[in-house]
Amino acid sequence: MAKLTPPPGPQDHARGKEGASVTLVEYGDFQCPHCGRAFPAVESIIEQMGPALRFIFRHFPLSEAHPMAKSCAIAAEAAARQGKFWEMHHAIFQNQDLLSPEALFAFAKQLGLDLEQFRKDIQDPALEEKVDEDFVSGVKSGVNGTPSFFINGHKYNGSYDEESLMASLTF
């Protein structure tokens, strides 16, 4: 069974407390339709499990198949610099059928981001490096498609529907 490399740390975007009994890590692609279908299932699971769950999202943009995936990941990282990673994460997944450079700026405006700072940040090579580091960690962890999940550091190979995921999280 593949293991998560590196383990969760300060480089990650996490919801929930460190030390929760279950840590769920998703390697996702913002333009992937499968990730889009997994999004509401994951959100429901986060709500149901409450403080027992820590959720981490790592970028795994499949740029050849999804030309906006990396731009979306960089936009989410730019939003993170203004404390709005999760809000941008949600806006992108909830509007997956509208993705374009203009849409990313519209989301940033709707989230109340400083648009000039956002414009500068999306051009910062450090954000592309962060996305690339997530991608490399996914490859090292055995990710070969999206969404890919890890439960407490071990690759989950089941379905990403809510019922299947929940059954594996509440062991």
Protein backbone atom coordinates (compact mmCIF):
# COMPACT_ATOMS: atom_id res chain seq x y z
CA MET A 1 0.00 0.00 0.00
CA ALA A 2 1.39 3.42 -1.00
CA LYS A 3 2.30 5.84 1.77
CA LEU A 4 1.87 9.59 1.78
CA THR A 5 5.15 11.43 1.12
CA PRO A 6 5.75 13.83 2.78
CA PRO A 7 3.47 13.45 5.78
CA PRO A 8 1.12 16.34 6.58
CA GLY A 9 2.96 19.44 7.68
CA PRO A 10 3.03 23.23 7.68
CA GLN A 11 3.22 23.28 3.87
CA ASP A 12 -0.34 21.95 3.65
CA HIS A 13 -3.74 23.62 3.54
CA ALA A 14 -5.69 21.88 6.30
CA ARG A 15 -9.15 22.05 7.80
CA GLY A 16 -9.59 20.56 11.24
CA LYS A 17 -7.24 20.16 14.11
CA GLU A 18 -3.83 18.59 14.01
CA GLY A 19 -4.12 15.40 16.03
CA ALA A 20 -7.64 14.56 14.81
CA SER A 21 -8.25 10.81 14.86
CA VAL A 22 -8.51 10.71 11.04
CA THR A 23 -6.53 12.71 8.47
CA LEU A 24 -7.88 12.65 4.93
CA VAL A 25 -5.57 14.00 2.23
CA GLU A 26 -6.86 14.62 -1.28
CA TYR A 27 -4.66 15.11 -4.30
CA GLY A 28 -6.93 17.01 -6.63
CA ASP A 29 -7.17 18.87 -9.91
CA PHE A 30 -9.56 21.84 -9.91
CA GLN A 31 -10.66 21.15 -13.50
CA CYS A 32 -11.07 17.37 -13.13
CA PRO A 33 -14.74 16.39 -13.38
CA HIS A 34 -14.16 13.47 -10.98
CA CYS A 35 -12.73 15.87 -8.38
CA GLY A 36 -15.74 18.09 -8.99
CA ARG A 37 -18.04 15.15 -8.20
CA ALA A 38 -15.98 14.22 -5.11
CA PHE A 39 -16.12 17.79 -3.76
CA PRO A 40 -19.67 17.65 -2.29
CA ALA A 41 -19.00 14.18 -0.86
CA VAL A 42 -15.87 15.41 0.91
CA GLU A 43 -17.68 18.51 2.19
CA SER A 44 -20.47 16.35 3.60
CA ILE A 45 -17.96 14.04 5.28
CA ILE A 46 -16.13 17.01 6.83
CA GLU A 47 -19.43 18.24 8.24
CA GLN A 48 -20.47 14.81 9.54
CA MET A 49 -17.14 13.93 11.16
CA GLY A 50 -16.54 17.34 12.70
CA PRO A 51 -13.48 17.51 14.98
CA ALA A 52 -12.64 13.83 14.40
CA LEU A 53 -11.41 14.70 10.88
CA ARG A 54 -8.57 16.77 9.50
CA PHE A 55 -8.81 17.38 5.74
CA ILE A 56 -5.84 18.41 3.60
CA PHE A 57 -5.92 19.36 -0.06
CA ARG A 58 -2.81 19.01 -2.25
CA HIS A 59 -2.56 20.08 -5.87
CA PHE A 60 -2.21 17.50 -8.62
CA PRO A 61 -3.04 19.42 -11.81
CA LEU A 62 -3.26 17.18 -14.86
CA SER A 63 -2.42 20.05 -17.18
CA GLU A 64 -2.37 18.09 -20.43
CA ALA A 65 -5.99 17.03 -19.96
CA HIS A 66 -7.14 20.11 -18.05
CA PRO A 67 -5.54 23.33 -19.36
CA MET A 68 -6.94 25.52 -16.53
CA ALA A 69 -5.93 23.16 -13.70
CA LYS A 70 -2.56 24.69 -12.90
CA SER A 71 -3.86 28.27 -13.20
CA CYS A 72 -6.62 27.37 -10.76
CA ALA A 73 -4.13 25.86 -8.32
CA ILE A 74 -1.95 28.98 -8.52
CA ALA A 75 -5.04 31.17 -8.00
CA ALA A 76 -5.93 29.17 -4.89
CA GLU A 77 -2.38 29.66 -3.60
CA ALA A 78 -2.63 33.39 -4.33
CA ALA A 79 -5.90 33.51 -2.39
CA ALA A 80 -4.16 31.67 0.46
CA ARG A 81 -1.76 34.58 0.80
CA GLN A 82 -4.81 36.67 1.70
CA GLY A 83 -6.22 34.00 4.03
CA LYS A 84 -8.82 32.71 1.55
CA PHE A 85 -7.52 29.39 0.24
CA TRP A 86 -10.62 27.41 1.20
CA GLU A 87 -12.97 30.08 -0.11
CA MET A 88 -11.21 30.02 -3.50
CA HIS A 89 -11.10 26.18 -3.41
CA HIS A 90 -14.87 26.16 -2.98
CA ALA A 91 -15.53 28.88 -5.58
CA ILE A 92 -13.52 27.00 -8.21
CA PHE A 93 -15.16 23.63 -7.57
CA GLN A 94 -18.64 25.15 -7.39
CA ASN A 95 -18.12 26.89 -10.74
CA GLN A 96 -16.04 24.27 -12.53
CA ASP A 97 -17.97 24.69 -15.78
CA LEU A 98 -17.02 28.42 -15.95
CA LEU A 99 -13.24 28.20 -15.52
CA SER A 100 -11.19 30.83 -17.34
CA PRO A 101 -8.60 33.42 -16.34
CA GLU A 102 -11.40 36.00 -16.17
CA ALA A 103 -13.47 33.72 -13.91
CA LEU A 104 -10.57 33.38 -11.46
CA PHE A 105 -10.43 37.16 -11.14
CA ALA A 106 -14.22 37.28 -10.75
CA PHE A 107 -13.97 34.73 -7.91
CA ALA A 108 -11.18 36.78 -6.31
CA LYS A 109 -13.36 39.89 -6.48
CA GLN A 110 -16.38 38.02 -5.02
CA LEU A 111 -14.18 36.82 -2.15
CA GLY A 112 -13.11 40.37 -1.39
CA LEU A 113 -9.46 39.83 -2.26
CA ASP A 114 -7.13 42.72 -3.00
CA LEU A 115 -7.18 42.29 -6.78
CA GLU A 116 -3.88 44.09 -7.40
CA GLN A 117 -2.16 41.85 -4.86
CA PHE A 118 -3.88 38.80 -6.36
CA ARG A 119 -2.63 39.82 -9.83
CA LYS A 120 0.94 40.12 -8.51
CA ASP A 121 0.76 36.86 -6.57
CA ILE A 122 -0.44 34.72 -9.46
CA GLN A 123 2.70 35.79 -11.31
CA ASP A 124 5.01 34.89 -8.41
CA PRO A 125 7.11 31.84 -9.39
CA ALA A 126 7.02 30.68 -5.74
CA LEU A 127 3.34 29.79 -6.11
CA GLU A 128 3.96 27.68 -9.20
CA GLU A 129 6.80 25.99 -7.27
CA LYS A 130 4.37 25.19 -4.41
CA VAL A 131 1.93 23.60 -6.88
CA ASP A 132 4.79 21.67 -8.50
CA GLU A 133 6.00 20.46 -5.07
CA ASP A 134 2.52 19.12 -4.31
CA PHE A 135 2.47 17.37 -7.70
CA VAL A 136 5.89 15.76 -7.11
CA SER A 137 4.81 14.62 -3.65
CA GLY A 138 1.79 12.99 -5.29
CA VAL A 139 3.98 11.14 -7.77
CA LYS A 140 6.23 9.96 -4.90
CA SER A 141 3.13 8.85 -3.01
CA GLY A 142 1.83 6.73 -5.91
CA VAL A 143 -0.85 9.10 -7.20
CA ASN A 144 -1.73 8.30 -10.80
CA GLY A 145 -5.02 10.13 -11.19
CA THR A 146 -7.43 12.47 -9.49
CA PRO A 147 -8.98 12.51 -7.06
CA SER A 148 -6.59 10.39 -5.00
CA PHE A 149 -7.09 10.06 -1.28
CA PHE A 150 -4.91 9.03 1.64
CA ILE A 151 -6.35 8.07 5.00
CA ASN A 152 -3.95 8.46 7.91
CA GLY A 153 -1.04 8.33 5.47
CA HIS A 154 -2.13 5.27 3.48
CA LYS A 155 -3.48 5.36 -0.07
CA TYR A 156 -7.20 4.72 -0.32
CA ASN A 157 -8.08 2.71 -3.40
CA GLY A 158 -11.87 2.64 -3.13
CA SER A 159 -14.56 4.75 -4.74
CA TYR A 160 -14.73 8.46 -3.98
CA ASP A 161 -18.49 8.49 -3.42
CA GLU A 162 -19.57 9.66 0.03
CA GLU A 163 -20.76 6.28 1.31
CA SER A 164 -17.57 4.42 0.34
CA LEU A 165 -15.23 7.12 1.64
CA MET A 166 -17.15 7.48 4.90
CA ALA A 167 -17.06 3.72 5.50
CA SER A 168 -13.27 3.79 5.19
CA LEU A 169 -12.90 6.79 7.49
CA THR A 170 -14.99 5.42 10.35
CA PHE A 171 -13.15 2.18 10.94
